[in-house]
PDB file of N, CA and C in Angstrom:
ATOM      1  N   UNK A   1      -8.823  15.230  -5.379  1.00  0.00           N
ATOM      2  CA  UNK A   1      -7.892  14.457  -4.569  1.00  0.00           C
ATOM      3  C   UNK A   1      -6.998  13.592  -5.451  1.00  0.00           C
ATOM      4  N   UNK A   2      -7.555  12.987  -6.481  1.00  0.00           N
ATOM      5  CA  UNK A   2      -6.761  12.119  -7.349  1.00  0.00           C
ATOM      6  C   UNK A   2      -5.676  12.918  -8.058  1.00  0.00           C
ATOM      7  N   UNK A   3      -6.013  14.131  -8.504  1.00  0.00           N
ATOM      8  CA  UNK A   3      -5.015  14.978  -9.152  1.00  0.00           C
ATOM      9  C   UNK A   3      -3.886  15.341  -8.207  1.00  0.00           C
ATOM     10  N   UNK A   4      -4.220  15.583  -6.959  1.00  0.00           N
ATOM     11  CA  UNK A   4      -3.214  15.912  -5.950  1.00  0.00           C
ATOM     12  C   UNK A   4      -2.284  14.731  -5.718  1.00  0.00           C
ATOM     13  N   UNK A   5      -2.845  13.543  -5.575  1.00  0.00           N
ATOM     14  CA  UNK A   5      -2.013  12.352  -5.385  1.00  0.00           C
ATOM     15  C   UNK A   5      -1.154  12.078  -6.612  1.00  0.00           C
ATOM     16  N   UNK A   6      -1.707  12.278  -7.797  1.00  0.00           N
ATOM     17  CA  UNK A   6      -0.933  12.077  -9.026  1.00  0.00           C
ATOM     18  C   UNK A   6       0.239  13.045  -9.079  1.00  0.00           C
ATOM     19  N   UNK A   7       0.031  14.275  -8.640  1.00  0.00           N
ATOM     20  CA  UNK A   7       1.118  15.255  -8.616  1.00  0.00           C
ATOM     21  C   UNK A   7       2.230  14.823  -7.674  1.00  0.00           C
ATOM     22  N   UNK A   8       1.866  14.240  -6.545  1.00  0.00           N
ATOM     23  CA  UNK A   8       2.879  13.800  -5.583  1.00  0.00           C
ATOM     24  C   UNK A   8       3.660  12.596  -6.081  1.00  0.00           C
ATOM     25  N   UNK A   9       3.026  11.769  -6.913  1.00  0.00           N
ATOM     26  CA  UNK A   9       3.715  10.594  -7.436  1.00  0.00           C
ATOM     27  C   UNK A   9       4.642  10.944  -8.594  1.00  0.00           C
ATOM     28  N   UNK A  10       4.418  12.064  -9.243  1.00  0.00           N
ATOM     29  CA  UNK A  10       5.265  12.509 -10.345  1.00  0.00           C
ATOM     30  C   UNK A  10       6.544  13.107  -9.756  1.00  0.00           C
ATOM     31  N   UNK A  11       7.691  12.559 -10.126  1.00  0.00           N
ATOM     32  CA  UNK A  11       8.961  13.014  -9.545  1.00  0.00           C
ATOM     33  C   UNK A  11       9.230  14.489  -9.800  1.00  0.00           C
ATOM     34  N   UNK A  12       8.791  15.003 -10.938  1.00  0.00           N
ATOM     35  CA  UNK A  12       9.024  16.418 -11.245  1.00  0.00           C
ATOM     36  C   UNK A  12       8.173  17.338 -10.375  1.00  0.00           C
ATOM     37  N   UNK A  13       7.005  16.874  -9.978  1.00  0.00           N
ATOM     38  CA  UNK A  13       6.078  17.716  -9.220  1.00  0.00           C
ATOM     39  C   UNK A  13       6.043  17.394  -7.731  1.00  0.00           C
ATOM     40  N   UNK A  14       6.778  16.400  -7.302  1.00  0.00           N
ATOM     41  CA  UNK A  14       6.669  15.881  -5.938  1.00  0.00           C
ATOM     42  C   UNK A  14       6.881  16.941  -4.858  1.00  0.00           C
ATOM     43  N   UNK A  15       7.749  17.890  -5.081  1.00  0.00           N
ATOM     44  CA  UNK A  15       8.023  18.904  -4.061  1.00  0.00           C
ATOM     45  C   UNK A  15       6.969  20.002  -4.039  1.00  0.00           C
ATOM     46  N   UNK A  16       6.093  20.017  -5.018  1.00  0.00           N
ATOM     47  CA  UNK A  16       5.038  21.027  -5.145  1.00  0.00           C
ATOM     48  C   UNK A  16       5.622  22.430  -5.293  1.00  0.00           C
ATOM     49  N   UNK A  17       6.861  22.535  -5.740  1.00  0.00           N
ATOM     50  CA  UNK A  17       7.522  23.838  -5.830  1.00  0.00           C
ATOM     51  C   UNK A  17       6.921  24.728  -6.912  1.00  0.00           C
ATOM     52  N   UNK A  18       6.201  24.144  -7.858  1.00  0.00           N
ATOM     53  CA  UNK A  18       5.600  24.954  -8.910  1.00  0.00           C
ATOM     54  C   UNK A  18       4.248  25.537  -8.489  1.00  0.00           C
ATOM     55  N   UNK A  19       3.791  25.230  -7.288  1.00  0.00           N
ATOM     56  CA  UNK A  19       2.531  25.760  -6.760  1.00  0.00           C
ATOM     57  C   UNK A  19       2.828  26.942  -5.851  1.00  0.00           C
ATOM     58  N   UNK A  20       1.866  27.862  -5.730  1.00  0.00           N
ATOM     59  CA  UNK A  20       2.057  28.974  -4.797  1.00  0.00           C
ATOM     60  C   UNK A  20       1.957  28.440  -3.365  1.00  0.00           C
ATOM     61  N   UNK A  21       2.451  29.213  -2.417  1.00  0.00           N
ATOM     62  CA  UNK A  21       2.566  28.736  -1.033  1.00  0.00           C
ATOM     63  C   UNK A  21       1.208  28.403  -0.410  1.00  0.00           C
ATOM     64  N   UNK A  22       0.190  29.197  -0.711  1.00  0.00           N
ATOM     65  CA  UNK A  22      -1.137  28.939  -0.145  1.00  0.00           C
ATOM     66  C   UNK A  22      -1.692  27.599  -0.639  1.00  0.00           C
ATOM     67  N   UNK A  23      -1.564  27.339  -1.936  1.00  0.00           N
ATOM     68  CA  UNK A  23      -2.042  26.070  -2.498  1.00  0.00           C
ATOM     69  C   UNK A  23      -1.242  24.905  -1.947  1.00  0.00           C
ATOM     70  N   UNK A  24       0.071  25.098  -1.814  1.00  0.00           N
ATOM     71  CA  UNK A  24       0.941  24.051  -1.275  1.00  0.00           C
ATOM     72  C   UNK A  24       0.544  23.706   0.162  1.00  0.00           C
ATOM     73  N   UNK A  25       0.278  24.713   0.984  1.00  0.00           N
ATOM     74  CA  UNK A  25      -0.128  24.468   2.374  1.00  0.00           C
ATOM     75  C   UNK A  25      -1.486  23.782   2.449  1.00  0.00           C
ATOM     76  N   UNK A  26      -2.426  24.205   1.599  1.00  0.00           N
ATOM     77  CA  UNK A  26      -3.741  23.554   1.563  1.00  0.00           C
ATOM     78  C   UNK A  26      -3.602  22.090   1.154  1.00  0.00           C
ATOM     79  N   UNK A  27      -2.732  21.828   0.182  1.00  0.00           N
ATOM     80  CA  UNK A  27      -2.522  20.455  -0.280  1.00  0.00           C
ATOM     81  C   UNK A  27      -1.928  19.595   0.830  1.00  0.00           C
ATOM     82  N   UNK A  28      -0.968  20.134   1.557  1.00  0.00           N
ATOM     83  CA  UNK A  28      -0.353  19.380   2.652  1.00  0.00           C
ATOM     84  C   UNK A  28      -1.365  19.074   3.749  1.00  0.00           C
ATOM     85  N   UNK A  29      -2.196  20.057   4.085  1.00  0.00           N
ATOM     86  CA  UNK A  29      -3.223  19.842   5.111  1.00  0.00           C
ATOM     87  C   UNK A  29      -4.216  18.785   4.655  1.00  0.00           C
ATOM     88  N   UNK A  30      -4.643  18.872   3.392  1.00  0.00           N
ATOM     89  CA  UNK A  30      -5.593  17.891   2.860  1.00  0.00           C
ATOM     90  C   UNK A  30      -4.986  16.487   2.848  1.00  0.00           C
ATOM     91  N   UNK A  31      -3.723  16.378   2.458  1.00  0.00           N
ATOM     92  CA  UNK A  31      -3.069  15.065   2.436  1.00  0.00           C
ATOM     93  C   UNK A  31      -2.927  14.490   3.839  1.00  0.00           C
ATOM     94  N   UNK A  32      -2.585  15.319   4.815  1.00  0.00           N
ATOM     95  CA  UNK A  32      -2.483  14.828   6.193  1.00  0.00           C
ATOM     96  C   UNK A  32      -3.839  14.351   6.696  1.00  0.00           C
ATOM     97  N   UNK A  33      -4.891  15.087   6.335  1.00  0.00           N
ATOM     98  CA  UNK A  33      -6.249  14.699   6.728  1.00  0.00           C
ATOM     99  C   UNK A  33      -6.635  13.363   6.089  1.00  0.00           C
ATOM    100  N   UNK A  34      -6.380  13.214   4.793  1.00  0.00           N
ATOM    101  CA  UNK A  34      -6.706  11.971   4.093  1.00  0.00           C
ATOM    102  C   UNK A  34      -5.893  10.802   4.652  1.00  0.00           C
ATOM    103  N   UNK A  35      -4.623  11.040   4.963  1.00  0.00           N
ATOM    104  CA  UNK A  35      -3.765   9.990   5.501  1.00  0.00           C
ATOM    105  C   UNK A  35      -4.269   9.534   6.869  1.00  0.00           C
ATOM    106  N   UNK A  36      -4.680  10.485   7.716  1.00  0.00           N
ATOM    107  CA  UNK A  36      -5.219  10.136   9.028  1.00  0.00           C
ATOM    108  C   UNK A  36      -6.495   9.312   8.887  1.00  0.00           C
ATOM    109  N   UNK A  37      -7.343   9.676   7.942  1.00  0.00           N
ATOM    110  CA  UNK A  37      -8.565   8.902   7.704  1.00  0.00           C
ATOM    111  C   UNK A  37      -8.238   7.474   7.266  1.00  0.00           C
ATOM    112  N   UNK A  38      -7.234   7.324   6.405  1.00  0.00           N
ATOM    113  CA  UNK A  38      -6.838   5.982   5.960  1.00  0.00           C
ATOM    114  C   UNK A  38      -6.300   5.155   7.119  1.00  0.00           C
ATOM    115  N   UNK A  39      -5.501   5.771   7.978  1.00  0.00           N
ATOM    116  CA  UNK A  39      -4.954   5.054   9.132  1.00  0.00           C
ATOM    117  C   UNK A  39      -6.085   4.627  10.062  1.00  0.00           C
ATOM    118  N   UNK A  40      -7.008   5.550  10.345  1.00  0.00           N
ATOM    119  CA  UNK A  40      -8.133   5.224  11.224  1.00  0.00           C
ATOM    120  C   UNK A  40      -8.987   4.115  10.628  1.00  0.00           C
ATOM    121  N   UNK A  41      -9.227   4.171   9.333  1.00  0.00           N
ATOM    122  CA  UNK A  41     -10.018   3.147   8.660  1.00  0.00           C
ATOM    123  C   UNK A  41      -9.314   1.799   8.726  1.00  0.00           C
ATOM    124  N   UNK A  42      -8.006   1.802   8.542  1.00  0.00           N
ATOM    125  CA  UNK A  42      -7.234   0.561   8.581  1.00  0.00           C
ATOM    126  C   UNK A  42      -7.248  -0.042   9.979  1.00  0.00           C
ATOM    127  N   UNK A  43      -7.163   0.799  11.012  1.00  0.00           N
ATOM    128  CA  UNK A  43      -7.176   0.293  12.382  1.00  0.00           C
ATOM    129  C   UNK A  43      -8.523  -0.332  12.722  1.00  0.00           C
ATOM    130  N   UNK A  44      -9.592   0.233  12.192  1.00  0.00           N
ATOM    131  CA  UNK A  44     -10.928  -0.303  12.457  1.00  0.00           C
ATOM    132  C   UNK A  44     -11.110  -1.648  11.769  1.00  0.00           C
ATOM    133  N   UNK A  45     -10.601  -1.779  10.544  1.00  0.00           N
ATOM    134  CA  UNK A  45     -10.841  -2.975   9.748  1.00  0.00           C
ATOM    135  C   UNK A  45      -9.845  -4.093  10.010  1.00  0.00           C
ATOM    136  N   UNK A  46      -8.700  -3.790  10.562  1.00  0.00           N
ATOM    137  CA  UNK A  46      -7.672  -4.815  10.697  1.00  0.00           C
ATOM    138  C   UNK A  46      -7.932  -5.703  11.910  1.00  0.00           C
ATOM    139  N   UNK A  47      -7.510  -6.941  11.774  1.00  0.00           N
ATOM    140  CA  UNK A  47      -7.599  -7.890  12.875  1.00  0.00           C
ATOM    141  C   UNK A  47      -6.287  -8.663  12.927  1.00  0.00           C
ATOM    142  N   UNK A  48      -5.964  -9.281  14.057  1.00  0.00           N
ATOM    143  CA  UNK A  48      -4.697 -10.013  14.161  1.00  0.00           C
ATOM    144  C   UNK A  48      -4.549 -11.111  13.111  1.00  0.00           C
ATOM    145  N   UNK A  49      -5.647 -11.740  12.727  1.00  0.00           N
ATOM    146  CA  UNK A  49      -5.545 -12.820  11.744  1.00  0.00           C
ATOM    147  C   UNK A  49      -5.154 -12.302  10.370  1.00  0.00           C
ATOM    148  N   UNK A  50      -5.465 -11.034  10.056  1.00  0.00           N
ATOM    149  CA  UNK A  50      -5.092 -10.467   8.764  1.00  0.00           C
ATOM    150  C   UNK A  50      -3.592 -10.209   8.680  1.00  0.00           C
ATOM    151  N   UNK A  51      -2.964  -9.845   9.781  1.00  0.00           N
ATOM    152  CA  UNK A  51      -1.548  -9.509   9.752  1.00  0.00           C
ATOM    153  C   UNK A  51      -0.653 -10.684  10.142  1.00  0.00           C
ATOM    154  N   UNK A  52      -1.238 -11.837  10.429  1.00  0.00           N
ATOM    155  CA  UNK A  52      -0.455 -12.978  10.890  1.00  0.00           C
ATOM    156  C   UNK A  52       0.602 -13.397   9.877  1.00  0.00           C
ATOM    157  N   UNK A  53       0.251 -13.456   8.609  1.00  0.00           N
ATOM    158  CA  UNK A  53       1.195 -13.893   7.583  1.00  0.00           C
ATOM    159  C   UNK A  53       1.787 -12.732   6.791  1.00  0.00           C
ATOM    160  N   UNK A  54       1.579 -11.516   7.232  1.00  0.00           N
ATOM    161  CA  UNK A  54       2.111 -10.348   6.543  1.00  0.00           C
ATOM    162  C   UNK A  54       3.565 -10.132   6.968  1.00  0.00           C
ATOM    163  N   UNK A  55       4.536 -10.293   6.042  1.00  0.00           N
ATOM    164  CA  UNK A  55       5.951 -10.170   6.417  1.00  0.00           C
ATOM    165  C   UNK A  55       6.348  -8.756   6.832  1.00  0.00           C
ATOM    166  N   UNK A  56       5.526  -7.767   6.517  1.00  0.00           N
ATOM    167  CA  UNK A  56       5.835  -6.407   6.956  1.00  0.00           C
ATOM    168  C   UNK A  56       5.499  -6.253   8.435  1.00  0.00           C
ATOM    169  N   UNK A  57       4.365  -6.815   8.854  1.00  0.00           N
ATOM    170  CA  UNK A  57       3.955  -6.721  10.263  1.00  0.00           C
ATOM    171  C   UNK A  57       4.717  -7.701  11.138  1.00  0.00           C
ATOM    172  N   UNK A  58       4.896  -8.904  10.646  1.00  0.00           N
ATOM    173  CA  UNK A  58       5.593  -9.949  11.395  1.00  0.00           C
ATOM    174  C   UNK A  58       6.740 -10.444  10.515  1.00  0.00           C
ATOM    175  N   UNK A  59       7.972 -10.036  10.814  1.00  0.00           N
ATOM    176  CA  UNK A  59       9.093 -10.420   9.967  1.00  0.00           C
ATOM    177  C   UNK A  59       9.329 -11.931   9.960  1.00  0.00           C
ATOM    178  N   UNK A  60       9.807 -12.414   8.835  1.00  0.00           N
ATOM    179  CA  UNK A  60      10.107 -13.834   8.690  1.00  0.00           C
ATOM    180  C   UNK A  60      11.427 -14.126   9.397  1.00  0.00           C
ATOM    181  N   UNK A  61      11.448 -15.178  10.184  1.00  0.00           N
ATOM    182  CA  UNK A  61      12.653 -15.544  10.935  1.00  0.00           C
ATOM    183  C   UNK A  61      13.730 -16.063   9.989  1.00  0.00           C
ATOM    184  N   UNK A  62      14.965 -15.841  10.385  1.00  0.00           N
ATOM    185  CA  UNK A  62      16.097 -16.334   9.621  1.00  0.00           C
ATOM    186  C   UNK A  62      16.123 -17.858   9.675  1.00  0.00           C
ATOM    187  N   UNK A  63      16.723 -18.483   8.668  1.00  0.00           N
ATOM    188  CA  UNK A  63      16.776 -19.947   8.609  1.00  0.00           C
ATOM    189  C   UNK A  63      17.583 -20.549   9.759  1.00  0.00           C
ATOM    190  N   UNK A  64      18.476 -19.773  10.344  1.00  0.00           N
ATOM    191  CA  UNK A  64      19.295 -20.290  11.440  1.00  0.00           C
ATOM    192  C   UNK A  64      18.561 -20.280  12.783  1.00  0.00           C
ATOM    193  N   UNK A  65      17.386 -19.678  12.846  1.00  0.00           N
ATOM    194  CA  UNK A  65      16.627 -19.597  14.097  1.00  0.00           C
ATOM    195  C   UNK A  65      15.904 -20.912  14.346  1.00  0.00           C
ATOM    196  N   UNK A  66      16.064 -21.427  15.558  1.00  0.00           N
ATOM    197  CA  UNK A  66      15.373 -22.650  15.947  1.00  0.00           C
ATOM    198  C   UNK A  66      14.016 -22.259  16.529  1.00  0.00           C
ATOM    199  N   UNK A  67      12.909 -22.641  15.886  1.00  0.00           N
ATOM    200  CA  UNK A  67      11.592 -22.217  16.370  1.00  0.00           C
ATOM    201  C   UNK A  67      11.197 -22.856  17.696  1.00  0.00           C
ATOM    202  N   UNK A  68      11.933 -23.872  18.131  1.00  0.00           N
ATOM    203  CA  UNK A  68      11.592 -24.559  19.370  1.00  0.00           C
ATOM    204  C   UNK A  68      12.364 -24.016  20.570  1.00  0.00           C
ATOM    205  N   UNK A  69      13.235 -23.038  20.345  1.00  0.00           N
ATOM    206  CA  UNK A  69      13.970 -22.393  21.430  1.00  0.00           C
ATOM    207  C   UNK A  69      13.361 -21.025  21.694  1.00  0.00           C
ATOM    208  N   UNK A  70      13.268 -20.656  22.958  1.00  0.00           N
ATOM    209  CA  UNK A  70      12.741 -19.341  23.308  1.00  0.00           C
ATOM    210  C   UNK A  70      13.850 -18.427  23.684  1.00  0.00           C
TER     211      UNK A  70
END
């Protein structure tokens, strides 16, 4: 799995064009499976308090926004 991820991070190998079609399809299926497992694991472990200060989950308001107005 680590070798597969390393190949995807390498810009020259990212498209997997140097692999035969069967290996490329197996790699894509394996990556989708691993990604789904990571998402499921993250959903189980995450709680609202963990994402409260995360600017990706909750964007930071612009300085012109009045926090006391709805």
